Every structure is written in C-alpha cells, then in structure tokens.
C-alpha cells in the first residue's frame, strides 16, 4: 500500500510508513489529529484538536527537514506515499 499513517501519543507525533515509524515532538497541548486535509510530498495540512480550544484548528507539518535530520533520503522515502491517514490503534 502507498498509505502512511499519522497519530499522536503522549507528547509525540508518530508518522508510520511501511517498516518505518518516525517519532518527533508534538505541541504540548495537542489532544489529537483529526484528519489529514492535504498531502504534498512531505508537507501536510492537518486538522487538529488542542486542549485550549473547543474547535478544530489547521496545523502544518513538513517532514522533509525531519527526514533530512535523520539522514533519510527524503525524496526517495516520500516518493511512494500517495496518501496519509490519521489512524489510532
């Protein structure tokens, strides 16, 4: 499948694709990701729920610098991903 998954656990964001599970710090007040509104080769527009607000908010995540800092070939890693979904176990 060419689907990656996004969720948060405790104070971290988890991005999963294939055998890879990439974990990075999330905003302290993030309750959960609601849905991925847009995916563009590593750049995501996501709908989120924060503790201090009753309504959902739009948030932006750019995976390219995160992948580069982890010594991934970002273009090669991101190329097969066609869609990202929010998924909680």
N, C-alpha and C. Protein backbone atom coordinates (compact mmCIF):
# COMPACT_ATOMS: atom_id res chain seq x y z
N UNK A 1 0.84 -1.19 0.00
CA UNK A 1 0.00 0.00 0.00
C UNK A 1 0.88 1.25 0.00
N UNK A 2 0.35 2.30 -0.54
CA UNK A 2 1.06 3.58 -0.58
C UNK A 2 0.44 4.58 0.39
N UNK A 3 -0.03 4.06 1.52
CA UNK A 3 -0.66 4.90 2.53
C UNK A 3 0.23 4.96 3.76
N UNK A 4 0.45 6.16 4.27
CA UNK A 4 1.17 6.37 5.52
C UNK A 4 0.15 6.76 6.58
N UNK A 5 0.56 6.66 7.83
CA UNK A 5 -0.37 6.94 8.93
C UNK A 5 0.24 7.94 9.91
N UNK A 6 -0.64 8.77 10.47
CA UNK A 6 -0.26 9.82 11.40
C UNK A 6 -1.10 9.70 12.65
N UNK A 7 -0.46 9.86 13.80
CA UNK A 7 -1.18 9.90 15.08
C UNK A 7 -0.31 10.60 16.10
N UNK A 8 -0.86 10.83 17.27
CA UNK A 8 -0.04 11.33 18.37
C UNK A 8 -0.18 10.40 19.56
N UNK A 9 0.91 10.30 20.31
CA UNK A 9 0.96 9.51 21.55
C UNK A 9 1.69 10.37 22.57
N UNK A 10 1.04 10.60 23.69
CA UNK A 10 1.63 11.44 24.73
C UNK A 10 2.07 12.77 24.13
N UNK A 11 3.33 13.10 24.17
CA UNK A 11 3.80 14.38 23.63
C UNK A 11 4.50 14.22 22.30
N UNK A 12 4.18 13.17 21.56
CA UNK A 12 4.87 12.90 20.31
C UNK A 12 3.91 12.71 19.15
N UNK A 13 4.39 13.06 17.97
CA UNK A 13 3.72 12.74 16.72
C UNK A 13 4.39 11.50 16.17
N UNK A 14 3.58 10.58 15.66
CA UNK A 14 4.09 9.34 15.09
C UNK A 14 3.66 9.29 13.62
N UNK A 15 4.64 9.16 12.72
CA UNK A 15 4.39 9.02 11.29
C UNK A 15 4.88 7.64 10.90
N UNK A 16 3.99 6.81 10.37
CA UNK A 16 4.33 5.43 10.04
C UNK A 16 4.13 5.17 8.56
N UNK A 17 5.14 4.56 7.95
CA UNK A 17 5.04 4.12 6.56
C UNK A 17 5.89 2.88 6.38
N UNK A 18 5.24 1.80 5.92
CA UNK A 18 5.97 0.54 5.74
C UNK A 18 6.58 0.10 7.05
N UNK A 19 7.86 -0.20 7.03
CA UNK A 19 8.55 -0.65 8.24
C UNK A 19 9.07 0.50 9.10
N UNK A 20 8.83 1.73 8.70
CA UNK A 20 9.37 2.89 9.40
C UNK A 20 8.33 3.52 10.32
N UNK A 21 8.80 3.90 11.50
CA UNK A 21 7.98 4.61 12.49
C UNK A 21 8.81 5.80 12.95
N UNK A 22 8.41 6.98 12.52
CA UNK A 22 9.18 8.19 12.81
C UNK A 22 8.44 8.96 13.90
N UNK A 23 9.16 9.26 14.96
CA UNK A 23 8.57 9.87 16.16
C UNK A 23 9.26 11.20 16.41
N UNK A 24 8.46 12.26 16.58
CA UNK A 24 9.02 13.57 16.88
C UNK A 24 8.10 14.32 17.82
N UNK A 25 8.64 15.32 18.46
CA UNK A 25 7.89 16.06 19.49
C UNK A 25 6.71 16.80 18.87
N UNK A 26 5.58 16.69 19.54
CA UNK A 26 4.35 17.38 19.12
C UNK A 26 4.13 18.59 20.04
N UNK A 27 3.28 19.52 19.62
CA UNK A 27 2.94 20.63 20.51
C UNK A 27 2.38 20.10 21.84
N UNK A 28 2.75 20.74 22.94
CA UNK A 28 2.39 20.25 24.27
C UNK A 28 0.88 20.14 24.48
N UNK A 29 0.10 20.97 23.83
CA UNK A 29 -1.35 20.99 24.08
C UNK A 29 -2.15 20.22 23.03
N UNK A 30 -1.48 19.50 22.15
CA UNK A 30 -2.18 18.73 21.13
C UNK A 30 -2.93 17.57 21.77
N UNK A 31 -4.24 17.52 21.55
CA UNK A 31 -5.02 16.39 22.03
C UNK A 31 -4.98 15.26 21.01
N UNK A 32 -5.25 15.61 19.73
CA UNK A 32 -5.22 14.58 18.70
C UNK A 32 -5.27 15.20 17.31
N UNK A 33 -4.83 14.40 16.36
CA UNK A 33 -5.01 14.75 14.96
C UNK A 33 -6.38 14.24 14.54
N UNK A 34 -7.10 15.03 13.78
CA UNK A 34 -8.44 14.66 13.34
C UNK A 34 -8.38 14.05 11.94
N UNK A 35 -7.76 14.77 11.01
CA UNK A 35 -7.61 14.24 9.65
C UNK A 35 -6.51 14.99 8.91
N UNK A 36 -6.00 14.33 7.89
CA UNK A 36 -5.02 14.96 7.01
C UNK A 36 -5.82 15.55 5.85
N UNK A 37 -5.77 16.85 5.74
CA UNK A 37 -6.54 17.55 4.71
C UNK A 37 -5.81 17.61 3.38
N UNK A 38 -4.47 17.64 3.45
CA UNK A 38 -3.67 17.76 2.23
C UNK A 38 -2.33 17.07 2.45
N UNK A 39 -1.87 16.38 1.42
CA UNK A 39 -0.55 15.74 1.43
C UNK A 39 0.17 16.16 0.16
N UNK A 40 1.36 16.71 0.30
CA UNK A 40 2.13 17.13 -0.86
C UNK A 40 3.60 16.80 -0.63
N UNK A 41 3.96 15.57 -0.93
CA UNK A 41 5.35 15.10 -0.89
C UNK A 41 6.09 15.56 0.38
N UNK A 42 5.52 15.22 1.52
CA UNK A 42 6.16 15.53 2.80
C UNK A 42 5.56 16.69 3.55
N UNK A 43 4.76 17.47 2.89
CA UNK A 43 4.12 18.62 3.54
C UNK A 43 2.65 18.26 3.77
N UNK A 44 2.20 18.40 5.02
CA UNK A 44 0.82 18.04 5.36
C UNK A 44 0.09 19.23 5.95
N UNK A 45 -1.16 19.32 5.59
CA UNK A 45 -2.10 20.22 6.25
C UNK A 45 -3.02 19.29 7.02
N UNK A 46 -3.05 19.44 8.34
CA UNK A 46 -3.83 18.54 9.18
C UNK A 46 -4.82 19.31 10.04
N UNK A 47 -5.93 18.67 10.31
CA UNK A 47 -6.92 19.22 11.23
C UNK A 47 -6.62 18.65 12.60
N UNK A 48 -6.53 19.51 13.60
CA UNK A 48 -6.11 19.09 14.94
C UNK A 48 -7.10 19.56 16.00
N UNK A 49 -6.97 18.95 17.16
CA UNK A 49 -7.72 19.38 18.33
C UNK A 49 -6.72 19.69 19.43
N UNK A 50 -6.75 20.93 19.93
CA UNK A 50 -5.88 21.38 21.01
C UNK A 50 -6.68 21.54 22.30
N UNK A 51 -6.05 21.33 23.42
CA UNK A 51 -6.71 21.40 24.73
C UNK A 51 -7.34 22.75 25.01
N UNK A 52 -6.70 23.81 24.59
CA UNK A 52 -7.16 25.15 24.95
C UNK A 52 -8.26 25.70 24.03
N UNK A 53 -8.64 24.95 23.00
CA UNK A 53 -9.68 25.41 22.08
C UNK A 53 -10.76 24.36 21.91
N UNK A 54 -11.98 24.82 21.78
CA UNK A 54 -13.09 23.89 21.57
C UNK A 54 -13.19 23.45 20.12
N UNK A 55 -12.82 24.32 19.21
CA UNK A 55 -12.93 23.99 17.79
C UNK A 55 -11.63 23.40 17.27
N UNK A 56 -11.71 22.77 16.11
CA UNK A 56 -10.53 22.21 15.46
C UNK A 56 -9.72 23.31 14.82
N UNK A 57 -8.43 23.06 14.68
CA UNK A 57 -7.53 24.04 14.07
C UNK A 57 -6.71 23.38 12.97
N UNK A 58 -6.32 24.19 12.02
CA UNK A 58 -5.46 23.72 10.95
C UNK A 58 -4.00 23.84 11.39
N UNK A 59 -3.24 22.81 11.13
CA UNK A 59 -1.82 22.77 11.50
C UNK A 59 -1.03 22.30 10.28
N UNK A 60 0.25 22.61 10.27
CA UNK A 60 1.10 22.28 9.13
C UNK A 60 2.32 21.50 9.62
N UNK A 61 2.63 20.42 8.92
CA UNK A 61 3.79 19.59 9.25
C UNK A 61 4.62 19.41 7.99
N UNK A 62 5.90 19.70 8.09
CA UNK A 62 6.82 19.49 6.98
C UNK A 62 7.80 18.39 7.39
N UNK A 63 7.67 17.23 6.78
CA UNK A 63 8.51 16.09 7.12
C UNK A 63 9.91 16.15 6.53
N UNK A 64 10.11 16.91 5.47
CA UNK A 64 11.41 16.92 4.78
C UNK A 64 12.56 17.26 5.72
N UNK A 65 12.51 18.35 6.49
CA UNK A 65 13.64 18.63 7.39
C UNK A 65 13.82 17.57 8.48
N UNK A 66 12.73 16.99 8.93
CA UNK A 66 12.81 15.92 9.93
C UNK A 66 13.53 14.72 9.34
N UNK A 67 13.13 14.31 8.14
CA UNK A 67 13.77 13.18 7.48
C UNK A 67 15.24 13.46 7.20
N UNK A 68 15.54 14.65 6.74
CA UNK A 68 16.94 15.01 6.47
C UNK A 68 17.79 14.95 7.74
N UNK A 69 17.25 15.40 8.86
CA UNK A 69 17.98 15.35 10.13
C UNK A 69 18.22 13.91 10.59
N UNK A 70 17.38 12.99 10.12
CA UNK A 70 17.53 11.57 10.46
C UNK A 70 18.34 10.83 9.40
N UNK A 71 18.95 11.57 8.47
CA UNK A 71 19.79 11.02 7.40
C UNK A 71 19.03 10.11 6.44
N UNK A 72 17.75 10.40 6.24
CA UNK A 72 16.96 9.72 5.21
C UNK A 72 17.18 10.45 3.90
N UNK A 73 17.04 9.74 2.81
CA UNK A 73 16.91 10.37 1.50
C UNK A 73 15.42 10.72 1.40
N UNK A 74 15.08 11.96 1.74
CA UNK A 74 13.67 12.36 1.86
C UNK A 74 12.89 12.11 0.57
N UNK A 75 13.46 12.47 -0.57
CA UNK A 75 12.74 12.27 -1.83
C UNK A 75 12.44 10.80 -2.08
N UNK A 76 13.41 9.96 -1.85
CA UNK A 76 13.23 8.52 -2.06
C UNK A 76 12.20 7.94 -1.10
N UNK A 77 12.25 8.35 0.16
CA UNK A 77 11.31 7.87 1.17
C UNK A 77 9.88 8.32 0.87
N UNK A 78 9.71 9.57 0.47
CA UNK A 78 8.38 10.15 0.28
C UNK A 78 7.74 9.80 -1.05
N UNK A 79 8.54 9.47 -2.04
CA UNK A 79 8.03 9.24 -3.41
C UNK A 79 6.86 8.25 -3.48
N UNK A 80 6.92 7.09 -2.82
CA UNK A 80 5.81 6.13 -2.97
C UNK A 80 4.55 6.48 -2.17
N UNK A 81 4.62 7.44 -1.25
CA UNK A 81 3.47 7.76 -0.41
C UNK A 81 2.47 8.60 -1.21
N UNK A 82 1.28 8.06 -1.37
CA UNK A 82 0.23 8.75 -2.12
C UNK A 82 -0.83 9.38 -1.24
N UNK A 83 -0.90 8.90 0.01
CA UNK A 83 -1.95 9.37 0.91
C UNK A 83 -1.49 9.18 2.35
N UNK A 84 -1.94 10.07 3.24
CA UNK A 84 -1.68 9.93 4.67
C UNK A 84 -3.02 9.99 5.39
N UNK A 85 -3.23 9.04 6.27
CA UNK A 85 -4.46 8.99 7.05
C UNK A 85 -4.13 9.05 8.52
N UNK A 86 -5.05 9.63 9.29
CA UNK A 86 -4.94 9.60 10.75
C UNK A 86 -5.45 8.24 11.19
N UNK A 87 -4.66 7.56 12.03
CA UNK A 87 -5.04 6.24 12.48
C UNK A 87 -4.59 6.04 13.92
N UNK A 88 -5.54 5.70 14.80
CA UNK A 88 -5.24 5.39 16.19
C UNK A 88 -5.56 3.93 16.42
N UNK A 89 -4.65 3.23 17.10
CA UNK A 89 -4.84 1.80 17.38
C UNK A 89 -6.03 1.57 18.28
